């Protein structure tokens, strides 16, 4: 498949659609961050990330 054929089959999103998706992701992350189960997982001594970032960091970014 050529690059031109690939470009024609990829969906095109408007700026408004992209912003709506990003805002939805942000709300989902806030919902997860506020959940008691996530707080329990994050507080566990076994919880770690490869870069020390947590959900709150992603929401603020």
PDB file of N, CA and C in Angstrom:
ATOM      1  N   UNK A   1       0.857  -1.177   0.000  1.00  0.00           N
ATOM      2  CA  UNK A   1       0.000   0.000   0.000  1.00  0.00           C
ATOM      3  C   UNK A   1       0.902   1.239   0.000  1.00  0.00           C
ATOM      4  N   UNK A   2       0.625   2.169  -0.876  1.00  0.00           N
ATOM      5  CA  UNK A   2       1.449   3.365  -0.970  1.00  0.00           C
ATOM      6  C   UNK A   2       1.074   4.363   0.122  1.00  0.00           C
ATOM      7  N   UNK A   3       1.956   5.342   0.331  1.00  0.00           N
ATOM      8  CA  UNK A   3       1.681   6.389   1.325  1.00  0.00           C
ATOM      9  C   UNK A   3       0.412   7.154   0.970  1.00  0.00           C
ATOM     10  N   UNK A   4       0.205   7.376  -0.316  1.00  0.00           N
ATOM     11  CA  UNK A   4      -0.985   8.114  -0.741  1.00  0.00           C
ATOM     12  C   UNK A   4      -2.256   7.329  -0.410  1.00  0.00           C
ATOM     13  N   UNK A   5      -2.237   6.019  -0.633  1.00  0.00           N
ATOM     14  CA  UNK A   5      -3.395   5.189  -0.300  1.00  0.00           C
ATOM     15  C   UNK A   5      -3.640   5.169   1.200  1.00  0.00           C
ATOM     16  N   UNK A   6      -2.561   5.121   2.001  1.00  0.00           N
ATOM     17  CA  UNK A   6      -2.684   5.128   3.452  1.00  0.00           C
ATOM     18  C   UNK A   6      -3.318   6.423   3.923  1.00  0.00           C
ATOM     19  N   UNK A   7      -2.879   7.541   3.374  1.00  0.00           N
ATOM     20  CA  UNK A   7      -3.419   8.839   3.779  1.00  0.00           C
ATOM     21  C   UNK A   7      -4.908   8.933   3.469  1.00  0.00           C
ATOM     22  N   UNK A   8      -5.340   8.334   2.387  1.00  0.00           N
ATOM     23  CA  UNK A   8      -6.742   8.406   2.006  1.00  0.00           C
ATOM     24  C   UNK A   8      -7.621   7.560   2.920  1.00  0.00           C
ATOM     25  N   UNK A   9      -7.077   6.535   3.545  1.00  0.00           N
ATOM     26  CA  UNK A   9      -7.881   5.664   4.391  1.00  0.00           C
ATOM     27  C   UNK A   9      -7.876   6.097   5.856  1.00  0.00           C
ATOM     28  N   UNK A  10      -7.004   7.013   6.238  1.00  0.00           N
ATOM     29  CA  UNK A  10      -6.953   7.460   7.625  1.00  0.00           C
ATOM     30  C   UNK A  10      -8.071   8.461   7.886  1.00  0.00           C
ATOM     31  N   UNK A  11      -8.736   8.326   9.034  1.00  0.00           N
ATOM     32  CA  UNK A  11      -9.808   9.271   9.347  1.00  0.00           C
ATOM     33  C   UNK A  11      -9.239  10.670   9.596  1.00  0.00           C
ATOM     34  N   UNK A  12     -10.023  11.648   9.293  1.00  0.00           N
ATOM     35  CA  UNK A  12      -9.617  13.034   9.493  1.00  0.00           C
ATOM     36  C   UNK A  12     -10.473  13.628  10.607  1.00  0.00           C
ATOM     37  N   UNK A  13      -9.830  14.187  11.602  1.00  0.00           N
ATOM     38  CA  UNK A  13     -10.543  14.789  12.727  1.00  0.00           C
ATOM     39  C   UNK A  13     -10.413  16.304  12.669  1.00  0.00           C
ATOM     40  N   UNK A  14     -11.483  16.981  13.024  1.00  0.00           N
ATOM     41  CA  UNK A  14     -11.425  18.435  13.108  1.00  0.00           C
ATOM     42  C   UNK A  14     -10.789  18.831  14.436  1.00  0.00           C
ATOM     43  N   UNK A  15     -10.386  20.067  14.543  1.00  0.00           N
ATOM     44  CA  UNK A  15      -9.819  20.571  15.790  1.00  0.00           C
ATOM     45  C   UNK A  15     -10.817  20.422  16.928  1.00  0.00           C
ATOM     46  N   UNK A  16     -12.066  20.692  16.664  1.00  0.00           N
ATOM     47  CA  UNK A  16     -13.106  20.567  17.689  1.00  0.00           C
ATOM     48  C   UNK A  16     -13.233  19.124  18.159  1.00  0.00           C
ATOM     49  N   UNK A  17     -13.188  18.180  17.233  1.00  0.00           N
ATOM     50  CA  UNK A  17     -13.273  16.768  17.598  1.00  0.00           C
ATOM     51  C   UNK A  17     -12.071  16.341  18.432  1.00  0.00           C
ATOM     52  N   UNK A  18     -10.898  16.800  18.055  1.00  0.00           N
ATOM     53  CA  UNK A  18      -9.679  16.481  18.822  1.00  0.00           C
ATOM     54  C   UNK A  18      -9.778  17.044  20.229  1.00  0.00           C
ATOM     55  N   UNK A  19     -10.212  18.280  20.365  1.00  0.00           N
ATOM     56  CA  UNK A  19     -10.337  18.907  21.693  1.00  0.00           C
ATOM     57  C   UNK A  19     -11.387  18.169  22.532  1.00  0.00           C
ATOM     58  N   UNK A  20     -12.464  17.729  21.915  1.00  0.00           N
ATOM     59  CA  UNK A  20     -13.496  16.976  22.634  1.00  0.00           C
ATOM     60  C   UNK A  20     -12.929  15.666  23.162  1.00  0.00           C
ATOM     61  N   UNK A  21     -12.147  14.979  22.349  1.00  0.00           N
ATOM     62  CA  UNK A  21     -11.521  13.725  22.778  1.00  0.00           C
ATOM     63  C   UNK A  21     -10.560  13.978  23.929  1.00  0.00           C
ATOM     64  N   UNK A  22      -9.737  15.005  23.825  1.00  0.00           N
ATOM     65  CA  UNK A  22      -8.762  15.328  24.884  1.00  0.00           C
ATOM     66  C   UNK A  22      -9.474  15.679  26.185  1.00  0.00           C
ATOM     67  N   UNK A  23     -10.525  16.473  26.107  1.00  0.00           N
ATOM     68  CA  UNK A  23     -11.275  16.838  27.318  1.00  0.00           C
ATOM     69  C   UNK A  23     -11.930  15.605  27.934  1.00  0.00           C
ATOM     70  N   UNK A  24     -12.419  14.697  27.102  1.00  0.00           N
ATOM     71  CA  UNK A  24     -13.000  13.459  27.610  1.00  0.00           C
ATOM     72  C   UNK A  24     -11.964  12.616  28.330  1.00  0.00           C
ATOM     73  N   UNK A  25     -10.764  12.548  27.770  1.00  0.00           N
ATOM     74  CA  UNK A  25      -9.673  11.809  28.426  1.00  0.00           C
ATOM     75  C   UNK A  25      -9.327  12.446  29.773  1.00  0.00           C
ATOM     76  N   UNK A  26      -9.286  13.768  29.798  1.00  0.00           N
ATOM     77  CA  UNK A  26      -8.983  14.471  31.052  1.00  0.00           C
ATOM     78  C   UNK A  26     -10.030  14.156  32.120  1.00  0.00           C
ATOM     79  N   UNK A  27     -11.288  14.179  31.742  1.00  0.00           N
ATOM     80  CA  UNK A  27     -12.359  13.877  32.702  1.00  0.00           C
ATOM     81  C   UNK A  27     -12.270  12.434  33.180  1.00  0.00           C
ATOM     82  N   UNK A  28     -11.941  11.525  32.284  1.00  0.00           N
ATOM     83  CA  UNK A  28     -11.787  10.118  32.665  1.00  0.00           C
ATOM     84  C   UNK A  28     -10.654   9.957  33.662  1.00  0.00           C
ATOM     85  N   UNK A  29      -9.524  10.622  33.414  1.00  0.00           N
ATOM     86  CA  UNK A  29      -8.390  10.555  34.340  1.00  0.00           C
ATOM     87  C   UNK A  29      -8.750  11.136  35.702  1.00  0.00           C
ATOM     88  N   UNK A  30      -9.488  12.240  35.716  1.00  0.00           N
ATOM     89  CA  UNK A  30      -9.914  12.829  36.997  1.00  0.00           C
ATOM     90  C   UNK A  30     -10.841  11.870  37.751  1.00  0.00           C
ATOM     91  N   UNK A  31     -11.730  11.210  37.031  1.00  0.00           N
ATOM     92  CA  UNK A  31     -12.649  10.248  37.642  1.00  0.00           C
ATOM     93  C   UNK A  31     -11.870   9.099  38.277  1.00  0.00           C
ATOM     94  N   UNK A  32     -10.911   8.560  37.542  1.00  0.00           N
ATOM     95  CA  UNK A  32     -10.088   7.461  38.064  1.00  0.00           C
ATOM     96  C   UNK A  32      -9.283   7.942  39.269  1.00  0.00           C
ATOM     97  N   UNK A  33      -8.680   9.124  39.158  1.00  0.00           N
ATOM     98  CA  UNK A  33      -7.860   9.667  40.242  1.00  0.00           C
ATOM     99  C   UNK A  33      -8.662   9.835  41.529  1.00  0.00           C
ATOM    100  N   UNK A  34      -9.925  10.162  41.422  1.00  0.00           N
ATOM    101  CA  UNK A  34     -10.766  10.398  42.594  1.00  0.00           C
ATOM    102  C   UNK A  34     -11.322   9.112  43.205  1.00  0.00           C
ATOM    103  N   UNK A  35     -11.181   8.005  42.513  1.00  0.00           N
ATOM    104  CA  UNK A  35     -11.783   6.775  43.012  1.00  0.00           C
ATOM    105  C   UNK A  35     -10.995   6.211  44.196  1.00  0.00           C
ATOM    106  N   UNK A  36     -11.697   5.712  45.195  1.00  0.00           N
ATOM    107  CA  UNK A  36     -11.027   5.124  46.362  1.00  0.00           C
ATOM    108  C   UNK A  36     -10.098   3.957  45.993  1.00  0.00           C
ATOM    109  N   UNK A  37     -10.502   3.166  45.013  1.00  0.00           N
ATOM    110  CA  UNK A  37      -9.663   2.034  44.612  1.00  0.00           C
ATOM    111  C   UNK A  37      -8.333   2.502  44.036  1.00  0.00           C
ATOM    112  N   UNK A  38      -8.366   3.537  43.201  1.00  0.00           N
ATOM    113  CA  UNK A  38      -7.104   4.048  42.642  1.00  0.00           C
ATOM    114  C   UNK A  38      -6.239   4.639  43.754  1.00  0.00           C
ATOM    115  N   UNK A  39      -6.844   5.374  44.664  1.00  0.00           N
ATOM    116  CA  UNK A  39      -6.068   5.957  45.766  1.00  0.00           C
ATOM    117  C   UNK A  39      -5.380   4.871  46.578  1.00  0.00           C
ATOM    118  N   UNK A  40      -6.076   3.765  46.769  1.00  0.00           N
ATOM    119  CA  UNK A  40      -5.491   2.641  47.505  1.00  0.00           C
ATOM    120  C   UNK A  40      -4.314   2.040  46.726  1.00  0.00           C
ATOM    121  N   UNK A  41      -4.488   1.876  45.437  1.00  0.00           N
ATOM    122  CA  UNK A  41      -3.404   1.334  44.601  1.00  0.00           C
ATOM    123  C   UNK A  41      -2.205   2.274  44.618  1.00  0.00           C
ATOM    124  N   UNK A  42      -2.442   3.561  44.427  1.00  0.00           N
ATOM    125  CA  UNK A  42      -1.360   4.545  44.371  1.00  0.00           C
ATOM    126  C   UNK A  42      -0.615   4.639  45.708  1.00  0.00           C
ATOM    127  N   UNK A  43      -1.320   4.423  46.806  1.00  0.00           N
ATOM    128  CA  UNK A  43      -0.700   4.505  48.134  1.00  0.00           C
ATOM    129  C   UNK A  43       0.107   3.253  48.480  1.00  0.00           C
ATOM    130  N   UNK A  44      -0.088   2.198  47.722  1.00  0.00           N
ATOM    131  CA  UNK A  44       0.613   0.954  47.998  1.00  0.00           C
ATOM    132  C   UNK A  44       2.118   1.117  47.790  1.00  0.00           C
ATOM    133  N   UNK A  45       2.895   0.478  48.649  1.00  0.00           N
ATOM    134  CA  UNK A  45       4.348   0.548  48.494  1.00  0.00           C
ATOM    135  C   UNK A  45       4.812  -0.180  47.232  1.00  0.00           C
ATOM    136  N   UNK A  46       3.965  -1.029  46.683  1.00  0.00           N
ATOM    137  CA  UNK A  46       4.316  -1.755  45.459  1.00  0.00           C
ATOM    138  C   UNK A  46       3.979  -0.967  44.192  1.00  0.00           C
ATOM    139  N   UNK A  47       3.276   0.148  44.320  1.00  0.00           N
ATOM    140  CA  UNK A  47       2.923   0.972  43.163  1.00  0.00           C
ATOM    141  C   UNK A  47       4.149   1.745  42.696  1.00  0.00           C
ATOM    142  N   UNK A  48       4.421   1.661  41.415  1.00  0.00           N
ATOM    143  CA  UNK A  48       5.528   2.442  40.865  1.00  0.00           C
ATOM    144  C   UNK A  48       5.254   2.723  39.394  1.00  0.00           C
ATOM    145  N   UNK A  49       5.934   3.716  38.887  1.00  0.00           N
ATOM    146  CA  UNK A  49       5.870   4.029  37.469  1.00  0.00           C
ATOM    147  C   UNK A  49       7.297   4.100  36.952  1.00  0.00           C
ATOM    148  N   UNK A  50       7.447   4.018  35.657  1.00  0.00           N
ATOM    149  CA  UNK A  50       8.800   4.060  35.094  1.00  0.00           C
ATOM    150  C   UNK A  50       9.404   5.454  35.156  1.00  0.00           C
ATOM    151  N   UNK A  51       8.578   6.490  35.355  1.00  0.00           N
ATOM    152  CA  UNK A  51       9.090   7.858  35.352  1.00  0.00           C
ATOM    153  C   UNK A  51       8.588   8.703  36.530  1.00  0.00           C
ATOM    154  N   UNK A  52       8.040   8.064  37.548  1.00  0.00           N
ATOM    155  CA  UNK A  52       7.534   8.721  38.754  1.00  0.00           C
ATOM    156  C   UNK A  52       6.351   9.663  38.500  1.00  0.00           C
ATOM    157  N   UNK A  53       5.736   9.596  37.329  1.00  0.00           N
ATOM    158  CA  UNK A  53       4.554  10.405  37.056  1.00  0.00           C
ATOM    159  C   UNK A  53       3.319   9.613  37.443  1.00  0.00           C
ATOM    160  N   UNK A  54       2.300  10.331  37.888  1.00  0.00           N
ATOM    161  CA  UNK A  54       1.044   9.713  38.278  1.00  0.00           C
ATOM    162  C   UNK A  54      -0.092  10.381  37.499  1.00  0.00           C
ATOM    163  N   UNK A  55      -1.301   9.912  37.704  1.00  0.00           N
ATOM    164  CA  UNK A  55      -2.441  10.442  36.950  1.00  0.00           C
ATOM    165  C   UNK A  55      -2.566  11.948  37.111  1.00  0.00           C
ATOM    166  N   UNK A  56      -2.363  12.460  38.307  1.00  0.00           N
ATOM    167  CA  UNK A  56      -2.474  13.907  38.526  1.00  0.00           C
ATOM    168  C   UNK A  56      -1.517  14.691  37.656  1.00  0.00           C
ATOM    169  N   UNK A  57      -0.346  14.155  37.392  1.00  0.00           N
ATOM    170  CA  UNK A  57       0.614  14.819  36.525  1.00  0.00           C
ATOM    171  C   UNK A  57       0.078  14.905  35.082  1.00  0.00           C
ATOM    172  N   UNK A  58      -0.569  13.844  34.639  1.00  0.00           N
ATOM    173  CA  UNK A  58      -1.128  13.828  33.289  1.00  0.00           C
ATOM    174  C   UNK A  58      -2.275  14.828  33.167  1.00  0.00           C
ATOM    175  N   UNK A  59      -3.087  14.928  34.195  1.00  0.00           N
ATOM    176  CA  UNK A  59      -4.220  15.855  34.168  1.00  0.00           C
ATOM    177  C   UNK A  59      -3.730  17.297  34.140  1.00  0.00           C
ATOM    178  N   UNK A  60      -2.677  17.589  34.862  1.00  0.00           N
ATOM    179  CA  UNK A  60      -2.152  18.957  34.915  1.00  0.00           C
ATOM    180  C   UNK A  60      -1.412  19.355  33.653  1.00  0.00           C
ATOM    181  N   UNK A  61      -0.930  18.380  32.898  1.00  0.00           N
ATOM    182  CA  UNK A  61      -0.111  18.670  31.708  1.00  0.00           C
ATOM    183  C   UNK A  61      -0.874  19.294  30.587  1.00  0.00           C
TER     184      UNK A  61
END
